[in-house]
Amino acid sequence: MDLPTNNVELVREDEKERGVTFHCELYDTEIVRKIAQAFLPGLSSACVDNTTGDMFRNPGSVAADIRKEMVDYLTQRSESFVAESVVLEGDLDGEVSDHPFDIISNMVDDFASLKRNLFSRVSGWLLSEKREDKIDDFVQEMEINGFWLLDRREAVAQILVKNVDFKNIFHCDKKFNTAEELVEHVVNCGFRTMNCSNEGCSTVFCASHLEKHDSACPFKIIPCEQQCSENIMRREMDRHCITVCPMKIVSCPFYAVGCQSTMPHSIIQQHRSDNLHSHLLYTLKSIHKGGSEEDLKKRVDQIVESSSGRLADARDARSLILKVKDVEAKLGPLEVKAAEKVSEEPNKAGENSSEEPFEAFNKGGEESTEVDKIGSEKYNETINKVGEELSSIQI
């Protein structure tokens, strides 16, 4: 039984006598469609449970008859819903939702339960998983065959919503004396049907939901959430923000050698320029692991002075280490101050205590000379090793 859908219909004769002839038939399209989509699973459950264990019948053979019974049952129940709700209000333990979807879904479940045969009632708890598979399969079969089209289900759902929505929240209850008044109202009714204006979106909703839909429409073009200059489709926003957005937050390209700064991608060049000295210092620390902070800072100044601005082009740690290698090859090995050796046993014999500082000084001088001799030989080996390590680091 498929009920017709009309936007305008004449009301009963008793209403005509009171001078009211026309009333608005608009409704909340979102709720109606949601209810209509619940009909097929309910019908499928009723058909499967009604034929379980029956060798001569299958769900498809009873679907047409059970669909008619289901529509009649839902219509009758919805028409008496107001009276039922008054009775249930006296039940302190009863919790009844006043939302049309909940109300009608419960009615659909009640109908499906009534159609269970004895075998399905007894075996249902044992074959629950298999039963669910059969229900899902039959739903798909009905959809493929166009057994109960969505627009016809919506026509039924529309009638049911108006019957159970006694608070007039999900449908329009306005009444008018003339057709002209009705037409004028429909143009501005909050339940009038609207199509989304965003390109690519095919959603249909009532006018009262325009703001709600607009705030979540995946096809709406909106400004970048990270405040770059681009306007992006909402559903593409996440991809934009983590891939091509110039305002995405990234780590410093010299993270591998010690710079822990994070910044928008668009200011990386400015960061490299402003922090050239600190990046050089991090780089030299990775090359000259034994050098003091003071020695390395002096070396930074020497490299900057000798580089003629070429270091500013280094985009990451690897390219900077190669440029530093070229400059240091011209400057020669790093000059390191010889640390004063402090005696750990100052209270030795008198004649030894006067000689030890002199011997320690000579020894320190000899060690410093030895460092200068082997420094140039080890330098290239060290810097090549650091370059290899940085090449393997993903920055």
Protein backbone atom coordinates (compact mmCIF):
# COMPACT_ATOMS: atom_id res chain seq x y z
CA MET A 1 0.00 0.00 0.00
CA ASP A 2 1.68 3.18 -1.19
CA LEU A 3 0.22 6.42 0.04
CA PRO A 4 0.19 9.48 -2.27
CA THR A 5 2.10 12.62 -1.38
CA ASN A 6 0.55 16.06 -1.82
CA ASN A 7 1.79 19.49 -0.89
CA VAL A 8 -1.72 20.88 -0.63
CA GLU A 9 -4.89 19.01 0.23
CA LEU A 10 -8.42 19.87 1.27
CA VAL A 11 -9.27 19.21 4.89
CA ARG A 12 -12.36 17.48 6.25
CA GLU A 13 -15.88 18.87 5.74
CA ASP A 14 -16.18 19.85 9.39
CA GLU A 15 -13.18 22.13 8.93
CA LYS A 16 -14.73 23.63 5.82
CA GLU A 17 -17.77 24.62 7.87
CA ARG A 18 -15.46 26.56 10.18
CA GLY A 19 -14.05 28.42 7.21
CA VAL A 20 -10.68 26.63 7.14
CA THR A 21 -10.11 25.07 3.71
CA PHE A 22 -6.39 24.72 3.06
CA HIS A 23 -3.44 23.81 5.24
CA CYS A 24 0.30 23.49 4.67
CA GLU A 25 1.56 19.98 3.99
CA LEU A 26 5.28 20.67 4.33
CA TYR A 27 7.44 18.66 6.70
CA ASP A 28 11.00 18.10 7.91
CA THR A 29 12.56 16.29 4.95
CA GLU A 30 15.51 15.03 6.97
CA ILE A 31 13.35 13.20 9.52
CA VAL A 32 11.01 11.82 6.86
CA ARG A 33 13.91 10.40 4.84
CA LYS A 34 15.50 8.90 7.94
CA ILE A 35 12.24 7.15 8.85
CA ALA A 36 11.75 5.95 5.28
CA GLN A 37 15.21 4.37 5.32
CA ALA A 38 14.25 2.39 8.45
CA PHE A 39 11.30 0.72 6.70
CA LEU A 40 13.30 -1.74 4.59
CA PRO A 41 15.24 -3.32 7.50
CA GLY A 42 11.96 -3.60 9.43
CA LEU A 43 10.16 -5.19 6.51
CA SER A 44 13.09 -7.53 5.87
CA SER A 45 13.08 -8.67 9.51
CA ALA A 46 9.36 -9.38 9.36
CA CYS A 47 9.69 -11.37 6.10
CA VAL A 48 12.68 -13.43 7.26
CA ASP A 49 11.19 -14.23 10.66
CA ASN A 50 7.82 -15.08 9.14
CA THR A 51 9.31 -17.69 6.79
CA THR A 52 12.07 -19.18 8.96
CA GLY A 53 11.92 -22.99 8.80
CA ASP A 54 9.21 -22.94 6.13
CA MET A 55 10.13 -25.14 3.15
CA PHE A 56 7.42 -23.71 0.89
CA ARG A 57 7.90 -19.98 1.41
CA ASN A 58 10.79 -17.53 1.33
CA PRO A 59 11.05 -13.82 2.28
CA GLY A 60 10.46 -12.68 -1.29
CA SER A 61 7.22 -14.63 -1.62
CA VAL A 62 5.57 -12.86 1.32
CA ALA A 63 7.15 -9.39 0.96
CA ALA A 64 4.25 -7.76 -0.91
CA ASP A 65 1.58 -8.95 1.54
CA ILE A 66 3.66 -8.13 4.62
CA ARG A 67 4.48 -4.66 3.25
CA LYS A 68 0.74 -3.89 2.98
CA GLU A 69 0.17 -5.21 6.52
CA MET A 70 3.09 -3.12 7.76
CA VAL A 71 1.77 0.13 6.24
CA ASP A 72 -1.73 -0.52 7.64
CA TYR A 73 -0.30 -1.35 11.07
CA LEU A 74 1.91 1.75 11.21
CA THR A 75 -0.91 4.01 10.00
CA GLN A 76 -3.34 2.72 12.63
CA ARG A 77 -0.77 2.87 15.41
CA SER A 78 0.27 6.42 14.47
CA GLU A 79 -3.35 7.61 14.42
CA SER A 80 -3.87 6.30 17.93
CA PHE A 81 -0.47 7.41 19.18
CA VAL A 82 -1.76 10.49 21.01
CA ALA A 83 -4.21 8.37 22.99
CA GLU A 84 -1.47 5.81 23.74
CA SER A 85 0.88 8.53 24.96
CA VAL A 86 -1.74 9.84 27.38
CA VAL A 87 -2.06 6.36 28.90
CA LEU A 88 1.73 5.92 29.09
CA GLU A 89 2.16 9.24 30.85
CA GLY A 90 0.55 7.66 33.91
CA ASP A 91 3.22 4.95 33.96
CA LEU A 92 5.98 6.29 36.19
CA ASP A 93 8.40 3.62 35.02
CA GLY A 94 7.83 4.25 31.34
CA GLU A 95 10.23 6.49 29.40
CA VAL A 96 8.69 7.43 26.05
CA SER A 97 10.56 9.56 23.50
CA ASP A 98 8.54 12.21 21.67
CA HIS A 99 10.85 12.21 18.63
CA PRO A 100 9.04 10.90 15.50
CA PHE A 101 11.96 8.70 14.45
CA ASP A 102 12.08 6.93 17.82
CA ILE A 103 8.32 6.56 17.96
CA ILE A 104 7.94 5.10 14.47
CA SER A 105 11.07 2.92 14.79
CA ASN A 106 9.53 1.32 17.87
CA MET A 107 6.33 0.70 15.92
CA VAL A 108 8.30 -0.95 13.11
CA ASP A 109 10.06 -3.20 15.63
CA ASP A 110 6.73 -4.11 17.20
CA PHE A 111 5.32 -5.08 13.82
CA ALA A 112 8.36 -7.21 12.97
CA SER A 113 8.00 -9.03 16.31
CA LEU A 114 4.36 -9.80 15.57
CA LYS A 115 5.30 -11.48 12.28
CA ARG A 116 7.67 -14.01 13.84
CA ASN A 117 6.54 -17.59 13.47
CA LEU A 118 6.94 -20.19 16.17
CA PHE A 119 10.14 -21.63 14.72
CA SER A 120 11.86 -18.23 14.53
CA ARG A 121 10.81 -17.41 18.10
CA VAL A 122 12.33 -20.64 19.42
CA SER A 123 15.49 -20.67 17.30
CA GLY A 124 16.13 -16.93 17.05
CA TRP A 125 18.49 -16.77 20.00
CA LEU A 126 20.51 -19.71 18.61
CA LEU A 127 20.72 -18.44 15.03
CA SER A 128 20.99 -14.71 15.69
CA GLU A 129 24.12 -14.19 13.56
CA LYS A 130 22.75 -16.16 10.62
CA ARG A 131 19.42 -14.35 10.97
CA GLU A 132 21.10 -10.92 10.75
CA ASP A 133 22.91 -12.00 7.59
CA LYS A 134 19.64 -13.10 5.98
CA ILE A 135 17.98 -9.80 6.92
CA ASP A 136 20.84 -7.77 5.42
CA ASP A 137 20.85 -9.88 2.25
CA PHE A 138 17.11 -9.43 1.75
CA VAL A 139 17.38 -5.65 2.28
CA GLN A 140 19.97 -5.52 -0.51
CA GLU A 141 17.80 -7.69 -2.73
CA MET A 142 14.82 -5.36 -2.32
CA GLU A 143 16.96 -2.29 -3.02
CA ILE A 144 18.43 -3.83 -6.18
CA ASN A 145 15.02 -4.91 -7.47
CA GLY A 146 13.36 -1.58 -6.60
CA PHE A 147 10.74 -3.40 -4.56
CA TRP A 148 9.84 -0.37 -2.41
CA LEU A 149 11.24 2.85 -3.82
CA LEU A 150 12.45 5.56 -1.48
CA ASP A 151 10.02 8.23 -2.66
CA ARG A 152 7.06 5.92 -1.93
CA ARG A 153 8.44 5.09 1.50
CA GLU A 154 8.82 8.81 2.15
CA ALA A 155 5.14 9.33 1.27
CA VAL A 156 4.21 6.85 4.00
CA ALA A 157 6.69 8.36 6.44
CA GLN A 158 5.26 11.84 5.85
CA ILE A 159 1.78 10.70 6.96
CA LEU A 160 3.19 8.94 10.03
CA VAL A 161 5.22 11.97 11.08
CA LYS A 162 2.18 14.21 10.99
CA ASN A 163 0.22 11.71 13.05
CA VAL A 164 2.78 11.34 15.86
CA ASP A 165 4.26 14.86 15.86
CA PHE A 166 1.60 16.29 18.14
CA LYS A 167 3.91 19.12 19.20
CA ASN A 168 4.19 20.31 15.58
CA ILE A 169 7.96 20.42 15.67
CA PHE A 170 8.69 18.38 12.54
CA HIS A 171 5.86 19.47 10.24
CA CYS A 172 3.91 22.63 9.49
CA ASP A 173 0.42 22.89 10.98
CA LYS A 174 -0.59 26.23 9.48
CA LYS A 175 -4.12 26.47 8.01
CA PHE A 176 -5.54 29.03 5.58
CA ASN A 177 -8.88 30.12 4.19
CA THR A 178 -7.76 30.50 0.57
CA ALA A 179 -5.34 28.84 -1.80
CA GLU A 180 -3.65 32.20 -2.39
CA GLU A 181 -2.84 32.52 1.31
CA LEU A 182 -1.42 29.01 1.33
CA VAL A 183 0.76 29.66 -1.72
CA GLU A 184 2.10 32.86 -0.17
CA HIS A 185 2.91 30.99 3.04
CA VAL A 186 4.64 28.06 1.30
CA VAL A 187 7.18 30.43 -0.27
CA ASN A 188 8.38 31.45 3.20
CA CYS A 189 7.56 28.32 5.23
CA GLY A 190 10.41 27.05 7.38
CA PHE A 191 9.70 23.50 6.17
CA ARG A 192 9.97 24.32 2.45
CA THR A 193 12.43 22.15 0.56
CA MET A 194 15.83 23.59 -0.35
CA ASN A 195 18.79 22.31 -2.32
CA CYS A 196 22.32 23.09 -1.20
CA SER A 197 23.86 25.83 -3.34
CA ASN A 198 27.43 24.58 -2.88
CA GLU A 199 28.81 23.04 -6.07
CA GLY A 200 28.98 19.26 -5.81
CA CYS A 201 26.49 18.93 -2.93
CA SER A 202 23.16 17.23 -3.69
CA THR A 203 21.71 17.38 -0.16
CA VAL A 204 18.05 18.33 0.18
CA PHE A 205 16.81 19.86 3.44
CA CYS A 206 14.10 22.11 4.78
CA ALA A 207 14.74 25.84 5.06
CA SER A 208 14.93 25.79 8.85
CA HIS A 209 18.02 23.56 8.57
CA LEU A 210 19.88 25.81 6.16
CA GLU A 211 22.23 27.25 8.77
CA LYS A 212 22.90 23.81 10.28
CA HIS A 213 23.72 22.29 6.90
CA ASP A 214 25.81 25.25 5.81
CA SER A 215 27.98 24.94 8.93
CA ALA A 216 28.83 21.33 8.10
CA CYS A 217 28.49 20.99 4.32
CA PRO A 218 31.64 19.21 3.06
CA PHE A 219 31.45 21.06 -0.28
CA LYS A 220 31.37 24.59 1.13
CA ILE A 221 34.35 26.79 0.25
CA ILE A 222 35.79 28.30 3.43
CA PRO A 223 38.96 30.20 4.45
CA CYS A 224 41.95 28.11 5.45
CA GLU A 225 41.78 27.03 9.09
CA GLN A 226 45.49 27.88 9.45
CA GLN A 227 44.82 31.38 8.16
CA CYS A 228 46.71 31.25 4.91
CA SER A 229 45.32 33.24 1.98
CA GLU A 230 43.63 30.23 0.31
CA ASN A 231 39.91 29.35 0.31
CA ILE A 232 39.46 25.57 0.45
CA MET A 233 36.54 23.14 0.19
CA ARG A 234 35.72 21.94 3.70
CA ARG A 235 36.23 18.27 2.90
CA GLU A 236 39.70 19.07 1.49
CA MET A 237 40.76 21.17 4.46
CA ASP A 238 42.68 18.50 6.39
CA ARG A 239 44.70 17.47 3.35
CA HIS A 240 45.48 21.10 2.53
CA CYS A 241 46.59 21.90 6.08
CA ILE A 242 49.04 19.01 6.33
CA THR A 243 50.45 19.11 2.79
CA VAL A 244 50.54 22.35 0.80
CA CYS A 245 49.42 25.03 3.25
CA PRO A 246 52.17 27.65 3.67
CA MET A 247 51.10 28.06 7.30
CA LYS A 248 51.53 24.42 8.28
CA ILE A 249 53.86 24.01 11.26
CA VAL A 250 57.19 22.34 10.44
CA SER A 251 60.46 21.65 12.21
CA CYS A 252 63.58 23.62 11.40
CA PRO A 253 65.55 22.08 8.48
CA PHE A 254 68.54 22.01 10.85
CA TYR A 255 66.73 19.83 13.39
CA ALA A 256 69.23 17.03 12.70
CA VAL A 257 72.12 19.07 14.09
CA GLY A 258 70.31 20.50 17.10
CA CYS A 259 67.87 23.33 16.25
CA GLN A 260 64.55 22.46 17.95
CA SER A 261 62.53 25.40 16.56
CA THR A 262 59.13 24.93 14.88
CA MET A 263 57.49 27.51 12.62
CA PRO A 264 55.02 28.02 9.77
CA HIS A 265 56.40 26.67 6.51
CA SER A 266 56.18 30.11 4.91
CA ILE A 267 58.86 31.64 7.18
CA ILE A 268 61.50 28.92 6.92
CA GLN A 269 63.69 31.10 4.68
CA GLN A 270 63.49 33.97 7.15
CA HIS A 271 64.32 31.60 10.02
CA ARG A 272 67.38 30.27 8.18
CA SER A 273 68.60 33.81 7.51
CA ASP A 274 67.98 35.08 11.04
CA ASN A 275 69.61 32.07 12.71
CA LEU A 276 72.60 31.44 10.44
CA HIS A 277 75.12 31.86 13.28
CA SER A 278 73.30 29.45 15.61
CA HIS A 279 72.90 26.88 12.82
CA LEU A 280 76.61 27.17 12.06
CA LEU A 281 77.42 26.68 15.72
CA TYR A 282 75.25 23.52 15.83
CA THR A 283 76.99 22.26 12.72
CA LEU A 284 80.50 22.88 14.09
CA LYS A 285 79.58 21.15 17.34
CA SER A 286 78.77 18.03 15.35
CA ILE A 287 82.12 18.27 13.52
CA HIS A 288 84.46 19.41 16.29
CA LYS A 289 83.09 17.45 19.21
CA GLY A 290 86.00 18.35 21.46
CA GLY A 291 85.95 22.09 20.79
CA SER A 292 84.92 24.56 23.47
CA GLU A 293 81.96 26.91 23.04
CA GLU A 294 84.30 29.90 22.86
CA ASP A 295 86.52 28.32 20.20
CA LEU A 296 83.53 27.28 18.09
CA LYS A 297 81.94 30.74 18.25
CA LYS A 298 85.19 32.30 17.01
CA ARG A 299 85.26 29.73 14.22
CA VAL A 300 81.67 30.68 13.28
CA ASP A 301 82.76 34.30 12.87
CA GLN A 302 85.69 33.23 10.73
CA ILE A 303 83.52 31.06 8.49
CA VAL A 304 80.87 33.76 8.03
CA GLU A 305 83.53 36.32 7.17
CA SER A 306 85.21 34.01 4.66
CA SER A 307 82.02 32.63 3.04
CA SER A 308 81.07 35.84 1.19
CA GLY A 309 77.38 35.20 1.90
CA ARG A 310 77.31 31.74 0.29
CA LEU A 311 76.13 30.04 3.51
CA ALA A 312 72.73 31.77 3.43
CA ASP A 313 71.76 29.53 0.49
CA ALA A 314 72.11 26.33 2.53
CA ARG A 315 68.60 24.82 2.77
CA ASP A 316 69.32 22.09 5.31
CA ALA A 317 72.00 20.57 7.52
CA ARG A 318 73.53 18.47 4.74
CA SER A 319 73.98 21.37 2.32
CA LEU A 320 75.37 23.56 5.11
CA ILE A 321 77.92 20.93 6.17
CA LEU A 322 79.22 20.75 2.61
CA LYS A 323 79.62 24.53 2.38
CA VAL A 324 81.34 24.62 5.78
CA LYS A 325 83.74 21.93 4.57
CA ASP A 326 84.79 24.06 1.62
CA VAL A 327 85.33 27.16 3.78
CA GLU A 328 87.24 25.30 6.52
CA ALA A 329 89.52 23.74 3.94
CA LYS A 330 90.78 27.26 3.23
CA LEU A 331 90.89 28.33 6.91
CA GLY A 332 92.79 25.25 8.05
CA PRO A 333 92.30 23.18 11.22
CA LEU A 334 90.40 24.63 14.17
CA GLU A 335 92.68 26.32 16.72
CA VAL A 336 91.96 24.95 20.18
CA LYS A 337 93.30 26.50 23.36
CA ALA A 338 95.42 24.16 25.48
CA ALA A 339 93.65 23.64 28.80
CA GLU A 340 95.69 24.22 31.91
CA LYS A 341 96.38 20.99 33.68
CA VAL A 342 95.60 21.27 37.34
CA SER A 343 97.50 18.97 39.66
CA GLU A 344 95.30 16.61 41.63
CA GLU A 345 98.00 16.15 44.30
CA PRO A 346 99.42 19.59 45.19
CA ASN A 347 101.00 18.52 48.51
CA LYS A 348 103.79 16.28 47.23
CA ALA A 349 107.49 16.49 48.31
CA GLY A 350 108.99 20.01 48.34
CA GLU A 351 111.54 19.54 45.60
CA ASN A 352 108.95 17.92 43.29
CA SER A 353 106.28 20.56 43.89
CA SER A 354 108.49 23.33 42.53
CA GLU A 355 109.34 21.39 39.38
CA GLU A 356 105.91 19.96 38.48
CA PRO A 357 104.31 23.19 37.15
CA PHE A 358 107.24 23.72 34.79
CA GLU A 359 107.16 20.11 33.60
CA ALA A 360 103.37 20.22 33.17
CA PHE A 361 103.67 23.41 31.12
CA ASN A 362 106.30 21.84 28.86
CA LYS A 363 104.20 18.70 28.51
CA GLY A 364 101.13 20.75 27.65
CA GLY A 365 103.10 22.60 25.00
CA GLU A 366 104.30 19.34 23.52
CA GLU A 367 100.70 18.01 23.44
CA SER A 368 99.48 21.18 21.74
CA THR A 369 102.17 20.86 19.10
CA GLU A 370 101.22 17.24 18.53
CA VAL A 371 97.53 18.23 18.07
CA ASP A 372 98.55 20.71 15.38
CA LYS A 373 100.49 18.02 13.57
CA ILE A 374 97.72 15.45 13.45
CA GLY A 375 94.81 17.95 13.26
CA SER A 376 95.01 18.51 9.52
CA GLU A 377 95.16 14.75 8.92
CA LYS A 378 92.09 13.94 11.02
CA TYR A 379 90.00 16.93 9.96
CA ASN A 380 88.95 15.67 6.56
CA GLU A 381 88.21 12.23 8.03
CA THR A 382 85.98 13.76 10.73
CA ILE A 383 84.01 16.13 8.51
CA ASN A 384 83.44 13.41 5.90
CA LYS A 385 82.09 11.14 8.63
CA VAL A 386 79.67 13.82 9.85
CA GLY A 387 78.51 14.47 6.30
CA GLU A 388 77.74 10.77 5.84
CA GLU A 389 75.76 10.68 9.10
CA LEU A 390 73.67 13.72 8.10
CA SER A 391 73.04 12.24 4.65
CA SER A 392 71.32 9.28 6.31
CA ILE A 393 69.08 11.45 8.50
CA GLN A 394 65.55 12.21 7.27
CA ILE A 395 64.97 15.89 8.06
